[in-house]
């Protein structure tokens, strides 16, 4: 199907293209995805992307509709691939037993939890560790820590973020226990 738009401003051509072909492309997406709202979102995203490229896109081209059709198809396939990834991940998580089921007789004392925490913190540079201790154990604000350490607040945020990332990775099986621990601090 060839677009037979008169020579007109690109914005007007885009509007006409959208009004004439949005619904047909949503219907085309049904070949891949059953959910109507998802199909509408995908086609809207394709048109949004097209709008972002309005200055470089040739609406008068014979291939414009083919390009949009290909974008809709690829977006649908990417959506399905992502859905499959999410389902596989959920399945793996459901199969993995929590630490309290693997080690049902394990009871951790406060000292053991602190030891695990400090062993993990010792893997970090000293400045990261200091920021964490001042923030969580001393209750200082980012601005106070930044002033004491002669750093920017942005640096303090970054140090704290990197520290939390390490703790989440290293202590993920004990996270509920640490959340309880930090809630009391």
C-alpha atoms as a PDB file:
ATOM      1  CA  UNK A   1       0.000   0.000   0.000  1.00  0.00           C
ATOM      2  CA  UNK A   2       1.481   3.324  -1.022  1.00  0.00           C
ATOM      3  CA  UNK A   3       0.979   6.473   0.986  1.00  0.00           C
ATOM      4  CA  UNK A   4      -0.504   9.121  -1.263  1.00  0.00           C
ATOM      5  CA  UNK A   5      -0.018  12.193   0.865  1.00  0.00           C
ATOM      6  CA  UNK A   6       0.223  15.533  -0.827  1.00  0.00           C
ATOM      7  CA  UNK A   7       3.324  17.598  -0.195  1.00  0.00           C
ATOM      8  CA  UNK A   8       2.432  18.937   3.227  1.00  0.00           C
ATOM      9  CA  UNK A   9       4.257  19.661   6.493  1.00  0.00           C
ATOM     10  CA  UNK A  10       5.691  16.566   8.164  1.00  0.00           C
ATOM     11  CA  UNK A  11       3.609  17.094  11.299  1.00  0.00           C
ATOM     12  CA  UNK A  12       0.409  17.090   9.271  1.00  0.00           C
ATOM     13  CA  UNK A  13       1.553  14.024   7.305  1.00  0.00           C
ATOM     14  CA  UNK A  14       2.381  12.250  10.573  1.00  0.00           C
ATOM     15  CA  UNK A  15      -1.039  13.086  12.003  1.00  0.00           C
ATOM     16  CA  UNK A  16      -2.757  11.740   8.901  1.00  0.00           C
ATOM     17  CA  UNK A  17      -0.591   8.605   8.948  1.00  0.00           C
ATOM     18  CA  UNK A  18      -1.391   8.049  12.614  1.00  0.00           C
ATOM     19  CA  UNK A  19      -5.129   8.559  12.185  1.00  0.00           C
ATOM     20  CA  UNK A  20      -5.349   6.253   9.162  1.00  0.00           C
ATOM     21  CA  UNK A  21      -3.032   3.461  10.258  1.00  0.00           C
ATOM     22  CA  UNK A  22      -3.008   3.296  14.069  1.00  0.00           C
ATOM     23  CA  UNK A  23      -6.026   0.942  14.254  1.00  0.00           C
ATOM     24  CA  UNK A  24      -4.867  -1.313  11.380  1.00  0.00           C
ATOM     25  CA  UNK A  25      -1.459  -1.712  13.021  1.00  0.00           C
ATOM     26  CA  UNK A  26      -3.098  -2.555  16.371  1.00  0.00           C
ATOM     27  CA  UNK A  27      -5.065  -5.217  14.511  1.00  0.00           C
ATOM     28  CA  UNK A  28      -1.872  -6.435  12.808  1.00  0.00           C
ATOM     29  CA  UNK A  29      -0.197  -6.762  16.236  1.00  0.00           C
ATOM     30  CA  UNK A  30      -2.981  -9.178  17.238  1.00  0.00           C
ATOM     31  CA  UNK A  31      -1.158 -11.813  15.159  1.00  0.00           C
ATOM     32  CA  UNK A  32       1.468 -11.815  17.904  1.00  0.00           C
ATOM     33  CA  UNK A  33      -0.169 -10.560  21.095  1.00  0.00           C
ATOM     34  CA  UNK A  34      -3.665 -11.216  22.412  1.00  0.00           C
ATOM     35  CA  UNK A  35      -3.883  -8.434  24.992  1.00  0.00           C
ATOM     36  CA  UNK A  36      -5.471  -5.358  23.393  1.00  0.00           C
ATOM     37  CA  UNK A  37      -3.940  -2.809  25.772  1.00  0.00           C
ATOM     38  CA  UNK A  38      -0.475  -4.232  25.207  1.00  0.00           C
ATOM     39  CA  UNK A  39      -0.950  -4.082  21.437  1.00  0.00           C
ATOM     40  CA  UNK A  40      -2.133  -0.484  21.670  1.00  0.00           C
ATOM     41  CA  UNK A  41       0.874   0.424  23.831  1.00  0.00           C
ATOM     42  CA  UNK A  42       3.272  -1.190  21.370  1.00  0.00           C
ATOM     43  CA  UNK A  43       1.795   0.586  18.349  1.00  0.00           C
ATOM     44  CA  UNK A  44       1.726   3.882  20.276  1.00  0.00           C
ATOM     45  CA  UNK A  45       5.396   3.403  21.174  1.00  0.00           C
ATOM     46  CA  UNK A  46       6.255   2.781  17.514  1.00  0.00           C
ATOM     47  CA  UNK A  47       4.479   5.979  16.485  1.00  0.00           C
ATOM     48  CA  UNK A  48       6.156   7.873  19.339  1.00  0.00           C
ATOM     49  CA  UNK A  49       9.526   6.654  18.115  1.00  0.00           C
ATOM     50  CA  UNK A  50       8.579   7.730  14.616  1.00  0.00           C
ATOM     51  CA  UNK A  51       7.596  11.152  15.934  1.00  0.00           C
ATOM     52  CA  UNK A  52      11.011  11.468  17.588  1.00  0.00           C
ATOM     53  CA  UNK A  53      12.578  10.870  14.155  1.00  0.00           C
ATOM     54  CA  UNK A  54      10.176  13.157  12.297  1.00  0.00           C
ATOM     55  CA  UNK A  55      12.925  15.342  10.833  1.00  0.00           C
ATOM     56  CA  UNK A  56      14.848  12.414   9.379  1.00  0.00           C
ATOM     57  CA  UNK A  57      11.947  10.153   8.324  1.00  0.00           C
ATOM     58  CA  UNK A  58      10.651  10.261   4.746  1.00  0.00           C
ATOM     59  CA  UNK A  59       6.871  10.044   5.005  1.00  0.00           C
ATOM     60  CA  UNK A  60       6.506  10.246   1.219  1.00  0.00           C
ATOM     61  CA  UNK A  61       8.521   7.067   0.716  1.00  0.00           C
ATOM     62  CA  UNK A  62       6.927   3.900  -0.649  1.00  0.00           C
ATOM     63  CA  UNK A  63       8.549   2.006   2.195  1.00  0.00           C
ATOM     64  CA  UNK A  64       7.204   4.114   5.096  1.00  0.00           C
ATOM     65  CA  UNK A  65       4.320   1.742   5.887  1.00  0.00           C
ATOM     66  CA  UNK A  66       6.601  -1.282   5.503  1.00  0.00           C
ATOM     67  CA  UNK A  67       9.009   0.273   7.968  1.00  0.00           C
ATOM     68  CA  UNK A  68       6.240   0.913  10.506  1.00  0.00           C
ATOM     69  CA  UNK A  69       4.916  -2.634  10.019  1.00  0.00           C
ATOM     70  CA  UNK A  70       8.401  -4.047  10.622  1.00  0.00           C
ATOM     71  CA  UNK A  71       8.771  -1.898  13.760  1.00  0.00           C
ATOM     72  CA  UNK A  72       5.416  -3.117  15.111  1.00  0.00           C
ATOM     73  CA  UNK A  73       6.334  -6.747  14.403  1.00  0.00           C
ATOM     74  CA  UNK A  74       9.783  -6.415  16.014  1.00  0.00           C
ATOM     75  CA  UNK A  75       8.317  -4.641  19.042  1.00  0.00           C
ATOM     76  CA  UNK A  76       5.764  -7.428  19.460  1.00  0.00           C
ATOM     77  CA  UNK A  77       8.472 -10.086  19.219  1.00  0.00           C
ATOM     78  CA  UNK A  78      10.672  -8.206  21.696  1.00  0.00           C
ATOM     79  CA  UNK A  79       7.730  -7.968  24.088  1.00  0.00           C
ATOM     80  CA  UNK A  80       7.123 -11.720  23.827  1.00  0.00           C
ATOM     81  CA  UNK A  81      10.815 -12.456  24.346  1.00  0.00           C
ATOM     82  CA  UNK A  82      10.830 -10.276  27.453  1.00  0.00           C
ATOM     83  CA  UNK A  83       7.681 -12.001  28.755  1.00  0.00           C
ATOM     84  CA  UNK A  84       9.359 -15.388  28.327  1.00  0.00           C
ATOM     85  CA  UNK A  85      12.395 -14.111  30.223  1.00  0.00           C
ATOM     86  CA  UNK A  86      10.170 -12.899  33.087  1.00  0.00           C
ATOM     87  CA  UNK A  87       8.320 -16.224  33.247  1.00  0.00           C
ATOM     88  CA  UNK A  88      11.587 -18.181  33.308  1.00  0.00           C
ATOM     89  CA  UNK A  89      12.968 -15.938  36.032  1.00  0.00           C
ATOM     90  CA  UNK A  90       9.812 -16.301  38.137  1.00  0.00           C
ATOM     91  CA  UNK A  91      10.017 -20.071  37.728  1.00  0.00           C
ATOM     92  CA  UNK A  92      13.648 -20.149  38.909  1.00  0.00           C
ATOM     93  CA  UNK A  93      12.826 -17.987  41.917  1.00  0.00           C
ATOM     94  CA  UNK A  94       9.909 -20.233  42.881  1.00  0.00           C
ATOM     95  CA  UNK A  95      12.123 -23.318  42.696  1.00  0.00           C
ATOM     96  CA  UNK A  96      14.887 -21.793  44.818  1.00  0.00           C
ATOM     97  CA  UNK A  97      14.278 -22.513  48.470  1.00  0.00           C
ATOM     98  CA  UNK A  98      14.793 -19.638  50.910  1.00  0.00           C
ATOM     99  CA  UNK A  99      17.752 -19.982  53.265  1.00  0.00           C
ATOM    100  CA  UNK A 100      15.473 -20.669  56.228  1.00  0.00           C
ATOM    101  CA  UNK A 101      14.175 -23.775  54.440  1.00  0.00           C
ATOM    102  CA  UNK A 102      17.634 -24.970  53.391  1.00  0.00           C
ATOM    103  CA  UNK A 103      19.049 -24.442  56.870  1.00  0.00           C
ATOM    104  CA  UNK A 104      15.943 -24.744  59.063  1.00  0.00           C
ATOM    105  CA  UNK A 105      17.928 -25.173  62.268  1.00  0.00           C
ATOM    106  CA  UNK A 106      20.070 -22.111  61.710  1.00  0.00           C
ATOM    107  CA  UNK A 107      19.546 -19.432  64.264  1.00  0.00           C
ATOM    108  CA  UNK A 108      21.695 -16.377  63.853  1.00  0.00           C
ATOM    109  CA  UNK A 109      22.687 -14.300  66.794  1.00  0.00           C
ATOM    110  CA  UNK A 110      23.018 -10.579  66.476  1.00  0.00           C
ATOM    111  CA  UNK A 111      26.799 -10.983  66.700  1.00  0.00           C
ATOM    112  CA  UNK A 112      26.792 -13.421  63.753  1.00  0.00           C
ATOM    113  CA  UNK A 113      24.718 -11.033  61.645  1.00  0.00           C
ATOM    114  CA  UNK A 114      27.052  -8.144  62.451  1.00  0.00           C
ATOM    115  CA  UNK A 115      30.056 -10.353  61.635  1.00  0.00           C
ATOM    116  CA  UNK A 116      28.586 -11.219  58.219  1.00  0.00           C
ATOM    117  CA  UNK A 117      27.845  -7.549  57.620  1.00  0.00           C
ATOM    118  CA  UNK A 118      31.361  -6.387  58.580  1.00  0.00           C
ATOM    119  CA  UNK A 119      33.008  -9.160  56.529  1.00  0.00           C
ATOM    120  CA  UNK A 120      31.074  -7.922  53.530  1.00  0.00           C
ATOM    121  CA  UNK A 121      31.816  -4.266  54.303  1.00  0.00           C
ATOM    122  CA  UNK A 122      35.539  -5.072  54.557  1.00  0.00           C
ATOM    123  CA  UNK A 123      35.480  -5.922  50.852  1.00  0.00           C
ATOM    124  CA  UNK A 124      34.803  -2.257  50.134  1.00  0.00           C
ATOM    125  CA  UNK A 125      37.182   0.704  50.012  1.00  0.00           C
ATOM    126  CA  UNK A 126      37.477   2.416  53.376  1.00  0.00           C
ATOM    127  CA  UNK A 127      35.599   5.547  52.264  1.00  0.00           C
ATOM    128  CA  UNK A 128      32.563   3.480  51.210  1.00  0.00           C
ATOM    129  CA  UNK A 129      32.605   1.643  54.535  1.00  0.00           C
ATOM    130  CA  UNK A 130      32.890   4.906  56.460  1.00  0.00           C
ATOM    131  CA  UNK A 131      29.917   6.412  54.624  1.00  0.00           C
ATOM    132  CA  UNK A 132      27.811   3.327  55.386  1.00  0.00           C
ATOM    133  CA  UNK A 133      28.708   3.311  59.089  1.00  0.00           C
ATOM    134  CA  UNK A 134      28.115   7.047  59.519  1.00  0.00           C
ATOM    135  CA  UNK A 135      24.805   6.826  57.689  1.00  0.00           C
ATOM    136  CA  UNK A 136      23.285   3.684  59.191  1.00  0.00           C
ATOM    137  CA  UNK A 137      24.914   3.341  62.588  1.00  0.00           C
ATOM    138  CA  UNK A 138      25.515   6.979  63.478  1.00  0.00           C
ATOM    139  CA  UNK A 139      22.375   8.281  61.753  1.00  0.00           C
ATOM    140  CA  UNK A 140      24.124  11.163  60.017  1.00  0.00           C
ATOM    141  CA  UNK A 141      22.690  12.863  56.946  1.00  0.00           C
ATOM    142  CA  UNK A 142      24.406  12.842  53.569  1.00  0.00           C
ATOM    143  CA  UNK A 143      25.256  16.527  53.974  1.00  0.00           C
ATOM    144  CA  UNK A 144      26.866  15.939  57.391  1.00  0.00           C
ATOM    145  CA  UNK A 145      28.913  13.023  56.077  1.00  0.00           C
ATOM    146  CA  UNK A 146      29.961  15.002  53.005  1.00  0.00           C
ATOM    147  CA  UNK A 147      31.169  17.865  55.182  1.00  0.00           C
ATOM    148  CA  UNK A 148      33.079  15.552  57.566  1.00  0.00           C
ATOM    149  CA  UNK A 149      34.747  13.624  54.746  1.00  0.00           C
ATOM    150  CA  UNK A 150      35.300  16.691  52.540  1.00  0.00           C
ATOM    151  CA  UNK A 151      33.326  15.129  49.672  1.00  0.00           C
ATOM    152  CA  UNK A 152      30.280  16.154  47.682  1.00  0.00           C
ATOM    153  CA  UNK A 153      26.803  14.952  48.627  1.00  0.00           C
ATOM    154  CA  UNK A 154      26.685  13.322  45.194  1.00  0.00           C
ATOM    155  CA  UNK A 155      29.772  11.258  46.057  1.00  0.00           C
ATOM    156  CA  UNK A 156      28.193  10.206  49.345  1.00  0.00           C
ATOM    157  CA  UNK A 157      25.078   9.071  47.462  1.00  0.00           C
ATOM    158  CA  UNK A 158      27.208   7.095  45.006  1.00  0.00           C
ATOM    159  CA  UNK A 159      29.282   5.460  47.781  1.00  0.00           C
ATOM    160  CA  UNK A 160      26.150   4.495  49.656  1.00  0.00           C
ATOM    161  CA  UNK A 161      24.510   3.146  46.485  1.00  0.00           C
ATOM    162  CA  UNK A 162      27.557   0.999  45.639  1.00  0.00           C
ATOM    163  CA  UNK A 163      27.678  -0.301  49.201  1.00  0.00           C
ATOM    164  CA  UNK A 164      24.005  -1.238  49.170  1.00  0.00           C
ATOM    165  CA  UNK A 165      24.465  -2.990  45.832  1.00  0.00           C
ATOM    166  CA  UNK A 166      27.291  -5.112  47.270  1.00  0.00           C
ATOM    167  CA  UNK A 167      25.274  -5.922  50.388  1.00  0.00           C
ATOM    168  CA  UNK A 168      22.259  -6.974  48.308  1.00  0.00           C
ATOM    169  CA  UNK A 169      24.430  -9.283  46.207  1.00  0.00           C
ATOM    170  CA  UNK A 170      26.539 -10.745  48.994  1.00  0.00           C
ATOM    171  CA  UNK A 171      23.850 -11.072  51.665  1.00  0.00           C
ATOM    172  CA  UNK A 172      20.763 -11.700  49.546  1.00  0.00           C
ATOM    173  CA  UNK A 173      19.852 -14.887  51.431  1.00  0.00           C
ATOM    174  CA  UNK A 174      19.908 -13.005  54.744  1.00  0.00           C
ATOM    175  CA  UNK A 175      18.258  -9.808  53.541  1.00  0.00           C
ATOM    176  CA  UNK A 176      15.064 -10.184  55.638  1.00  0.00           C
ATOM    177  CA  UNK A 177      17.197 -10.550  58.768  1.00  0.00           C
ATOM    178  CA  UNK A 178      19.223  -7.449  57.943  1.00  0.00           C
ATOM    179  CA  UNK A 179      16.085  -5.450  57.226  1.00  0.00           C
ATOM    180  CA  UNK A 180      14.890  -6.287  60.721  1.00  0.00           C
ATOM    181  CA  UNK A 181      18.297  -5.404  62.108  1.00  0.00           C
ATOM    182  CA  UNK A 182      18.406  -2.010  60.369  1.00  0.00           C
ATOM    183  CA  UNK A 183      14.836  -1.240  61.349  1.00  0.00           C
ATOM    184  CA  UNK A 184      15.916  -1.349  65.003  1.00  0.00           C
ATOM    185  CA  UNK A 185      18.921   0.911  64.486  1.00  0.00           C
END
